[in-house]
Amino acid sequence: MLVGRSEGYLIGQTELAATIDRLVAYADAGADCLYAPGITDLSAIRTLVSAVAPKPLNVLLIGPTMRVADLADAGVRRVSVGGTLAAAAWAAFDRAVRLLIDEGTLPKRD
C-alpha cells in the first residue's frame, strides 16, 4: 500500500487548502491511501474525506477527545494511533517499577 502523507499540520502549516492540494496530488500520482496527521477538527476531516474520495483517508487519533466512531461517521476509513499505545505501556511500566522501588511490591494484575 502506498500512502501519500502531508505533514503540514505537524509543523504548523495549517492551511487546509494546501493540505488538500498535496493529498489530491498524491492520489493522482497513484497513492492508495491519503494521510494528513495532526488534523483534529471533524469539519476539516470531512472536507478532506470528500476531497480525496474515493481514496481512503487515514487520520491520527490524538488524545481522549477524538473517537473512532466519530471519525468513521465523518468518512474516515483508516485510523492510526502513532506512539500512543507504546507511551501508555511505558507509563504503566514506569509506575510498576516505581512501586517496586518504593514499596517492594508489584501492582495488582487486572
Protein backbone atom coordinates (compact mmCIF):
# COMPACT_ATOMS: atom_id res chain seq x y z
CA MET A 1 0.00 0.00 0.00
CA LEU A 2 1.36 3.41 -0.97
CA VAL A 3 0.34 6.14 1.49
CA GLY A 4 0.54 9.79 0.44
CA ARG A 5 1.32 11.76 3.60
CA SER A 6 1.09 15.52 4.11
CA GLU A 7 2.66 16.65 7.39
CA GLY A 8 1.89 20.37 7.25
CA TYR A 9 -0.29 20.31 10.36
CA LEU A 10 2.52 18.73 12.36
CA ILE A 11 4.86 21.63 11.58
CA GLY A 12 2.38 24.49 11.96
CA GLN A 13 1.30 24.85 8.31
CA THR A 14 -2.41 24.53 8.98
CA GLU A 15 -3.89 25.87 5.75
CA LEU A 16 -6.43 23.22 4.77
CA ALA A 17 -6.35 24.14 1.06
CA ALA A 18 -2.61 23.40 0.86
CA THR A 19 -3.14 20.04 2.56
CA ILE A 20 -5.96 19.19 0.15
CA ASP A 21 -3.83 20.14 -2.85
CA ARG A 22 -0.99 17.92 -1.67
CA LEU A 23 -3.21 14.93 -0.87
CA VAL A 24 -5.07 15.20 -4.19
CA ALA A 25 -1.71 15.31 -6.00
CA TYR A 26 -0.64 12.14 -4.16
CA ALA A 27 -3.93 10.48 -5.12
CA ASP A 28 -3.46 11.50 -8.75
CA ALA A 29 0.07 10.08 -8.64
CA GLY A 30 -1.25 6.70 -7.51
CA ALA A 31 -1.32 6.74 -3.71
CA ASP A 32 -3.67 4.10 -2.32
CA CYS A 33 -4.45 5.98 0.91
CA LEU A 34 -4.06 9.62 1.96
CA TYR A 35 -2.85 10.79 5.37
CA ALA A 36 -2.57 14.20 6.99
CA PRO A 37 -1.59 13.61 10.62
CA GLY A 38 -2.37 16.31 13.16
CA ILE A 39 -5.80 17.37 11.91
CA THR A 40 -8.37 17.05 14.69
CA ASP A 41 -11.30 19.21 13.54
CA LEU A 42 -14.12 16.95 12.30
CA SER A 43 -15.33 19.53 9.79
CA ALA A 44 -11.86 19.73 8.24
CA ILE A 45 -11.63 15.94 8.27
CA ARG A 46 -14.96 15.68 6.43
CA THR A 47 -13.65 18.15 3.85
CA LEU A 48 -10.53 16.03 3.36
CA VAL A 49 -12.57 12.82 3.03
CA SER A 50 -14.62 14.46 0.26
CA ALA A 51 -11.56 15.90 -1.45
CA VAL A 52 -9.72 12.58 -1.76
CA ALA A 53 -12.72 10.32 -2.42
CA PRO A 54 -12.92 7.57 -3.47
CA LYS A 55 -9.47 7.01 -1.93
CA PRO A 56 -9.48 6.33 1.83
CA LEU A 57 -8.33 8.98 4.30
CA ASN A 58 -6.20 7.98 7.28
CA VAL A 59 -6.42 10.09 10.47
CA LEU A 60 -4.15 10.13 13.51
CA LEU A 61 -6.21 9.55 16.65
CA ILE A 62 -4.94 12.21 19.06
CA GLY A 63 -5.94 12.34 22.71
CA PRO A 64 -9.10 11.37 24.54
CA THR A 65 -11.44 13.79 22.74
CA MET A 66 -11.15 12.09 19.35
CA ARG A 67 -13.28 8.98 18.93
CA VAL A 68 -13.04 6.28 16.28
CA ALA A 69 -16.85 6.24 15.89
CA ASP A 70 -16.89 9.99 15.14
CA LEU A 71 -14.12 9.60 12.59
CA ALA A 72 -15.96 6.71 10.94
CA ASP A 73 -19.12 8.84 10.78
CA ALA A 74 -17.04 11.54 9.08
CA GLY A 75 -15.98 9.03 6.42
CA VAL A 76 -12.52 8.13 7.69
CA ARG A 77 -11.61 4.59 6.68
CA ARG A 78 -8.24 4.15 8.42
CA VAL A 79 -7.07 5.31 11.86
CA SER A 80 -3.53 5.42 13.23
CA VAL A 81 -2.57 5.70 16.88
CA GLY A 82 1.04 6.81 16.45
CA GLY A 83 3.08 6.11 19.56
CA THR A 84 0.18 6.47 21.98
CA LEU A 85 -0.19 2.78 22.81
CA ALA A 86 3.55 2.43 23.33
CA ALA A 87 3.55 5.53 25.57
CA ALA A 88 0.71 4.06 27.65
CA ALA A 89 2.61 0.79 28.01
CA TRP A 90 5.80 2.58 29.09
CA ALA A 91 3.86 4.70 31.59
CA ALA A 92 2.43 1.53 33.17
CA PHE A 93 5.90 0.00 33.21
CA ASP A 94 7.31 3.12 34.92
CA ARG A 95 4.54 3.02 37.56
CA ALA A 96 5.24 -0.66 38.24
CA VAL A 97 8.98 -0.04 38.62
CA ARG A 98 8.33 2.93 40.94
CA LEU A 99 6.04 0.75 43.08
CA LEU A 100 8.71 -1.97 43.20
CA ILE A 101 11.40 0.53 44.23
CA ASP A 102 9.27 2.46 46.73
CA GLU A 103 7.23 -0.34 48.31
CA GLY A 104 8.95 -3.56 47.27
CA THR A 105 5.86 -4.93 45.57
CA LEU A 106 4.24 -5.11 42.17
CA PRO A 107 0.86 -3.76 41.03
CA LYS A 108 -2.22 -5.92 41.09
CA ARG A 109 -2.85 -7.60 37.73
CA ASP A 110 -6.14 -6.83 36.04
